[in-house]
Amino acid sequence: MDDLTSVPKLPPARDRVVPINDRLAPLYPEFEGLNYENPFQLLVAVILSAQCTDKRVNQLTPALFARFPSARELAECDIKELEQLVKPSGFYKNKAKNIRACCVEMVLRFGGEVPTNLDDLVTLPGVGRKTANVILGHAFETPGVTVDTHVGRLSRRLGLTRHRDPVKVELALAEIVPQSEWLHFSGRLIMHGRKVCLSRKPRCEQCVIADLCPKIGVKGLAEKRKRKKNTKTDSPQRTQRAPRKSASK
């Protein structure tokens, strides 16, 4: 469990979230993420980004969209060809299957267009609430809180929520973050999580919101690293055996 007994006394999360957002805003004025030209391309790119960097996805999507520029063409594609095009993103067979199935559903139910509401989006194969909120926010300018691993981790570390379930984190943040900042706040936490508030070694000394952060769980990380280091130092060195002499014939 997180160490909640030794954290500094800070104002409630509701009072800290706006100052946190205001300090992060100048650092991350624009979200550095996926390249796309329309909602269809964004949808496919987000599916590909699962357990893959945005940089790698951006490297492979130009060839993918040049070959299959619309949902209808992807819905009718040869799955083996699609697998080869998305292979660099990892887990390519499952991603190819979801992308084609998603496009089939869009063609059959939505005329080949990306749905513009959360309820319809989450019925598509490969699309969960996180993906849906990314699409709604970036492609249709509909506010939504996007919760990935970075947003979840930073929200708990900042003491904005104790929840670990992404949906519960989303709802908790939606209650305290101004609606107009939902998308921007999510993006800023993602960028801050990538560059400063790292999972195993957070760079608290470089953090502009360090004085607003109770650093929940950070002390435990430091102690864990110390124990691991001591274990390596204290472990006895293995003695090398002298080479066995071969029996004379």
Protein backbone atom coordinates (compact mmCIF):
# COMPACT_ATOMS: atom_id res chain seq x y z
CA MET A 1 0.00 0.00 0.00
CA ASP A 2 1.01 3.62 -0.49
CA ASP A 3 2.56 5.33 2.53
CA LEU A 4 -0.13 7.88 3.46
CA THR A 5 1.10 8.59 6.99
CA SER A 6 4.29 10.51 6.19
CA VAL A 7 3.11 12.72 3.31
CA PRO A 8 3.18 16.49 3.82
CA LYS A 9 -0.07 18.27 4.70
CA LEU A 10 -1.44 19.83 1.54
CA PRO A 11 -4.75 21.38 0.50
CA PRO A 12 -7.43 18.99 -0.80
CA ALA A 13 -7.11 17.67 -4.34
CA ARG A 14 -9.91 19.94 -5.57
CA ASP A 15 -7.92 23.01 -4.48
CA ARG A 16 -4.62 21.80 -5.94
CA VAL A 17 -5.70 20.54 -9.36
CA VAL A 18 -6.05 23.97 -11.02
CA PRO A 19 -2.62 25.22 -9.84
CA ILE A 20 -1.13 21.90 -10.97
CA ASN A 21 -2.68 22.34 -14.40
CA ASP A 22 -1.61 26.00 -14.60
CA ARG A 23 2.05 25.13 -13.90
CA LEU A 24 2.11 22.25 -16.39
CA ALA A 25 0.45 24.26 -19.17
CA PRO A 26 3.51 26.34 -20.18
CA LEU A 27 5.67 23.20 -20.23
CA TYR A 28 3.32 21.25 -22.48
CA PRO A 29 1.38 23.75 -24.61
CA GLU A 30 0.72 21.10 -27.24
CA PHE A 31 0.35 17.37 -26.85
CA GLU A 32 3.14 15.50 -28.61
CA GLY A 33 1.41 12.40 -29.87
CA LEU A 34 0.02 10.67 -32.92
CA ASN A 35 -0.01 12.14 -36.40
CA TYR A 36 -3.34 12.02 -38.25
CA GLU A 37 -5.40 13.90 -40.82
CA ASN A 38 -8.94 12.80 -39.95
CA PRO A 39 -10.90 10.87 -37.29
CA PHE A 40 -10.49 7.56 -39.15
CA GLN A 41 -6.70 7.84 -39.13
CA LEU A 42 -6.70 8.82 -35.46
CA LEU A 43 -8.85 5.82 -34.53
CA VAL A 44 -6.53 3.37 -36.29
CA ALA A 45 -3.42 5.06 -34.87
CA VAL A 46 -4.74 4.88 -31.30
CA ILE A 47 -5.47 1.16 -31.66
CA LEU A 48 -1.92 0.66 -32.92
CA SER A 49 -0.46 2.70 -30.04
CA ALA A 50 -1.37 0.11 -27.42
CA GLN A 51 1.94 -1.02 -25.83
CA CYS A 52 3.80 0.87 -28.54
CA THR A 53 5.36 4.33 -28.71
CA ASP A 54 3.67 7.13 -30.64
CA LYS A 55 6.92 7.62 -32.54
CA ARG A 56 6.87 4.09 -33.92
CA VAL A 57 3.19 4.34 -34.82
CA ASN A 58 3.87 7.60 -36.68
CA GLN A 59 6.58 5.83 -38.66
CA LEU A 60 4.29 3.10 -39.98
CA THR A 61 0.95 4.87 -40.52
CA PRO A 62 1.91 6.79 -43.69
CA ALA A 63 2.39 3.54 -45.61
CA LEU A 64 -0.70 2.02 -44.01
CA PHE A 65 -2.99 4.91 -44.95
CA ALA A 66 -1.49 5.21 -48.41
CA ARG A 67 -2.49 1.58 -49.00
CA PHE A 68 -5.84 1.73 -47.16
CA PRO A 69 -7.06 5.35 -47.06
CA SER A 70 -10.56 4.65 -45.73
CA ALA A 71 -12.50 2.40 -43.37
CA ARG A 72 -14.19 0.63 -46.29
CA GLU A 73 -10.86 -0.37 -47.83
CA LEU A 74 -9.55 -1.63 -44.51
CA ALA A 75 -12.77 -3.55 -43.95
CA GLU A 76 -12.18 -5.42 -47.22
CA CYS A 77 -8.40 -5.84 -46.90
CA ASP A 78 -6.40 -9.04 -46.83
CA ILE A 79 -5.60 -9.66 -43.17
CA LYS A 80 -2.11 -10.98 -43.94
CA GLU A 81 -1.19 -7.81 -45.79
CA LEU A 82 -2.54 -5.69 -42.94
CA GLU A 83 -0.55 -7.72 -40.42
CA GLN A 84 2.68 -7.03 -42.28
CA LEU A 85 1.97 -3.31 -42.44
CA VAL A 86 1.30 -3.01 -38.70
CA LYS A 87 3.87 -5.56 -37.55
CA PRO A 88 6.37 -2.97 -36.20
CA SER A 89 3.80 -1.88 -33.60
CA GLY A 90 3.89 -5.23 -31.81
CA PHE A 91 1.02 -7.62 -31.09
CA TYR A 92 0.31 -7.13 -34.77
CA LYS A 93 -2.03 -10.06 -35.32
CA ASN A 94 -4.45 -8.93 -32.64
CA LYS A 95 -4.20 -5.29 -33.71
CA ALA A 96 -4.80 -6.15 -37.37
CA LYS A 97 -7.82 -8.25 -36.40
CA ASN A 98 -9.28 -5.43 -34.30
CA ILE A 99 -8.63 -2.76 -36.92
CA ARG A 100 -10.33 -4.70 -39.69
CA ALA A 101 -13.24 -5.73 -37.45
CA CYS A 102 -13.62 -2.14 -36.27
CA CYS A 103 -13.75 -0.89 -39.85
CA VAL A 104 -16.29 -3.57 -40.81
CA GLU A 105 -18.55 -2.34 -38.01
CA MET A 106 -18.11 1.29 -39.05
CA VAL A 107 -19.05 0.46 -42.64
CA LEU A 108 -22.07 -1.64 -41.66
CA ARG A 109 -23.44 0.60 -38.90
CA PHE A 110 -22.06 4.10 -39.44
CA GLY A 111 -21.55 4.47 -43.20
CA GLY A 112 -17.79 4.14 -42.86
CA GLU A 113 -17.56 7.15 -40.55
CA VAL A 114 -16.16 7.28 -37.02
CA PRO A 115 -18.99 7.66 -34.47
CA THR A 116 -19.08 10.98 -32.66
CA ASN A 117 -20.32 9.80 -29.27
CA LEU A 118 -18.87 7.65 -26.49
CA ASP A 119 -21.68 5.07 -26.38
CA ASP A 120 -21.25 4.15 -30.06
CA LEU A 121 -17.47 4.30 -30.05
CA VAL A 122 -17.03 1.78 -27.24
CA THR A 123 -19.08 -0.79 -29.16
CA LEU A 124 -16.39 -0.98 -31.85
CA PRO A 125 -13.78 -3.78 -31.63
CA GLY A 126 -10.53 -2.57 -30.08
CA VAL A 127 -12.07 0.63 -28.72
CA GLY A 128 -12.35 1.19 -24.96
CA ARG A 129 -13.13 4.32 -22.99
CA LYS A 130 -9.56 5.61 -23.18
CA THR A 131 -9.46 5.29 -26.97
CA ALA A 132 -12.94 6.76 -27.28
CA ASN A 133 -12.05 9.80 -25.16
CA VAL A 134 -8.88 10.41 -27.19
CA ILE A 135 -10.90 10.37 -30.42
CA LEU A 136 -13.72 12.53 -29.05
CA GLY A 137 -11.32 15.08 -27.61
CA HIS A 138 -8.83 15.39 -30.47
CA ALA A 139 -11.00 14.68 -33.51
CA PHE A 140 -14.35 16.11 -32.43
CA GLU A 141 -13.38 18.60 -29.70
CA THR A 142 -15.66 16.87 -27.22
CA PRO A 143 -14.18 17.14 -23.69
CA GLY A 144 -13.14 13.90 -22.08
CA VAL A 145 -10.63 12.66 -19.51
CA THR A 146 -8.18 10.21 -21.03
CA VAL A 147 -6.70 7.75 -18.54
CA ASP A 148 -3.63 5.78 -19.59
CA THR A 149 -0.92 4.34 -17.35
CA HIS A 150 0.75 7.76 -16.93
CA VAL A 151 -2.46 9.57 -15.99
CA GLY A 152 -3.39 6.84 -13.53
CA ARG A 153 0.05 6.78 -11.91
CA LEU A 154 0.38 10.57 -11.60
CA SER A 155 -3.18 10.98 -10.33
CA ARG A 156 -2.46 8.61 -7.45
CA ARG A 157 1.00 10.04 -6.80
CA LEU A 158 -0.47 13.55 -6.68
CA GLY A 159 -3.19 12.40 -4.33
CA LEU A 160 -5.97 13.31 -6.77
CA THR A 161 -7.49 9.84 -6.41
CA ARG A 162 -6.75 6.50 -4.77
CA HIS A 163 -8.48 4.48 -7.47
CA ARG A 164 -6.58 2.11 -9.75
CA ASP A 165 -9.45 1.23 -12.07
CA PRO A 166 -9.14 3.54 -15.12
CA VAL A 167 -12.88 4.26 -15.30
CA LYS A 168 -12.96 5.26 -11.62
CA VAL A 169 -9.87 7.46 -12.14
CA GLU A 170 -11.59 9.09 -15.12
CA LEU A 171 -14.73 9.85 -13.12
CA ALA A 172 -12.73 11.10 -10.12
CA LEU A 173 -10.72 13.53 -12.26
CA ALA A 174 -13.84 14.68 -14.09
CA GLU A 175 -15.25 15.82 -10.74
CA ILE A 176 -12.34 18.09 -9.83
CA VAL A 177 -10.83 19.21 -13.17
CA PRO A 178 -12.73 21.98 -15.02
CA GLN A 179 -14.51 20.44 -18.00
CA SER A 180 -12.82 22.79 -20.46
CA GLU A 181 -9.46 21.39 -19.31
CA TRP A 182 -10.28 17.67 -19.28
CA LEU A 183 -8.44 16.84 -22.49
CA HIS A 184 -5.55 19.26 -21.88
CA PHE A 185 -5.02 18.11 -18.30
CA SER A 186 -4.88 14.47 -19.39
CA GLY A 187 -2.35 15.30 -22.11
CA ARG A 188 -0.18 17.27 -19.72
CA LEU A 189 -0.10 14.44 -17.19
CA ILE A 190 0.88 12.03 -19.97
CA MET A 191 3.74 14.26 -21.12
CA HIS A 192 4.87 14.94 -17.54
CA GLY A 193 4.78 11.22 -16.82
CA ARG A 194 6.97 10.52 -19.84
CA LYS A 195 9.54 13.22 -19.16
CA VAL A 196 9.68 13.94 -15.41
CA CYS A 197 7.41 11.89 -13.16
CA LEU A 198 8.79 8.55 -14.28
CA SER A 199 7.41 5.30 -12.99
CA ARG A 200 10.48 3.92 -11.15
CA LYS A 201 12.66 7.01 -10.72
CA PRO A 202 10.56 10.18 -10.57
CA ARG A 203 12.67 13.32 -11.02
CA CYS A 204 11.14 15.24 -8.13
CA GLU A 205 14.06 17.69 -8.02
CA GLN A 206 13.17 18.81 -11.58
CA CYS A 207 9.41 18.91 -11.05
CA VAL A 208 7.54 22.24 -11.17
CA ILE A 209 4.66 20.84 -9.13
CA ALA A 210 6.77 19.12 -6.44
CA ASP A 211 5.47 21.44 -3.69
CA LEU A 212 1.88 20.58 -4.66
CA CYS A 213 2.52 16.84 -4.67
CA PRO A 214 2.28 14.56 -1.61
CA LYS A 215 4.53 12.11 -3.49
CA ILE A 216 2.37 9.15 -2.52
CA GLY A 217 4.32 5.94 -3.01
CA VAL A 218 7.58 7.69 -3.99
CA LYS A 219 9.25 6.95 -0.67
CA GLY A 220 8.43 3.28 -1.15
CA LEU A 221 10.11 3.33 -4.57
CA ALA A 222 13.30 4.80 -3.12
CA GLU A 223 13.40 2.22 -0.33
CA LYS A 224 12.79 -0.58 -2.80
CA ARG A 225 15.71 0.59 -4.97
CA LYS A 226 17.91 0.85 -1.86
CA ARG A 227 17.05 -2.70 -0.77
CA LYS A 228 17.73 -4.00 -4.25
CA LYS A 229 21.09 -2.22 -4.34
CA ASN A 230 22.08 -3.56 -0.91
CA THR A 231 21.09 -7.07 -1.92
CA LYS A 232 23.41 -6.91 -4.89
CA THR A 233 26.23 -5.44 -2.77
CA ASP A 234 25.89 -7.96 0.05
CA SER A 235 25.58 -11.03 -2.14
CA PRO A 236 28.75 -13.15 -1.95
CA GLN A 237 30.89 -13.30 -5.00
CA ARG A 238 30.77 -16.57 -6.78
CA THR A 239 34.08 -18.37 -6.64
CA GLN A 240 35.34 -19.64 -9.92
CA ARG A 241 36.25 -23.25 -10.04
CA ALA A 242 39.62 -24.18 -11.36
CA PRO A 243 39.37 -25.92 -14.71
CA ARG A 244 39.13 -29.66 -14.30
CA LYS A 245 42.21 -31.47 -15.45
CA SER A 246 41.57 -33.99 -18.13
CA ALA A 247 42.48 -37.55 -17.29
CA SER A 248 45.62 -38.73 -18.95
CA LYS A 249 45.16 -41.53 -21.37
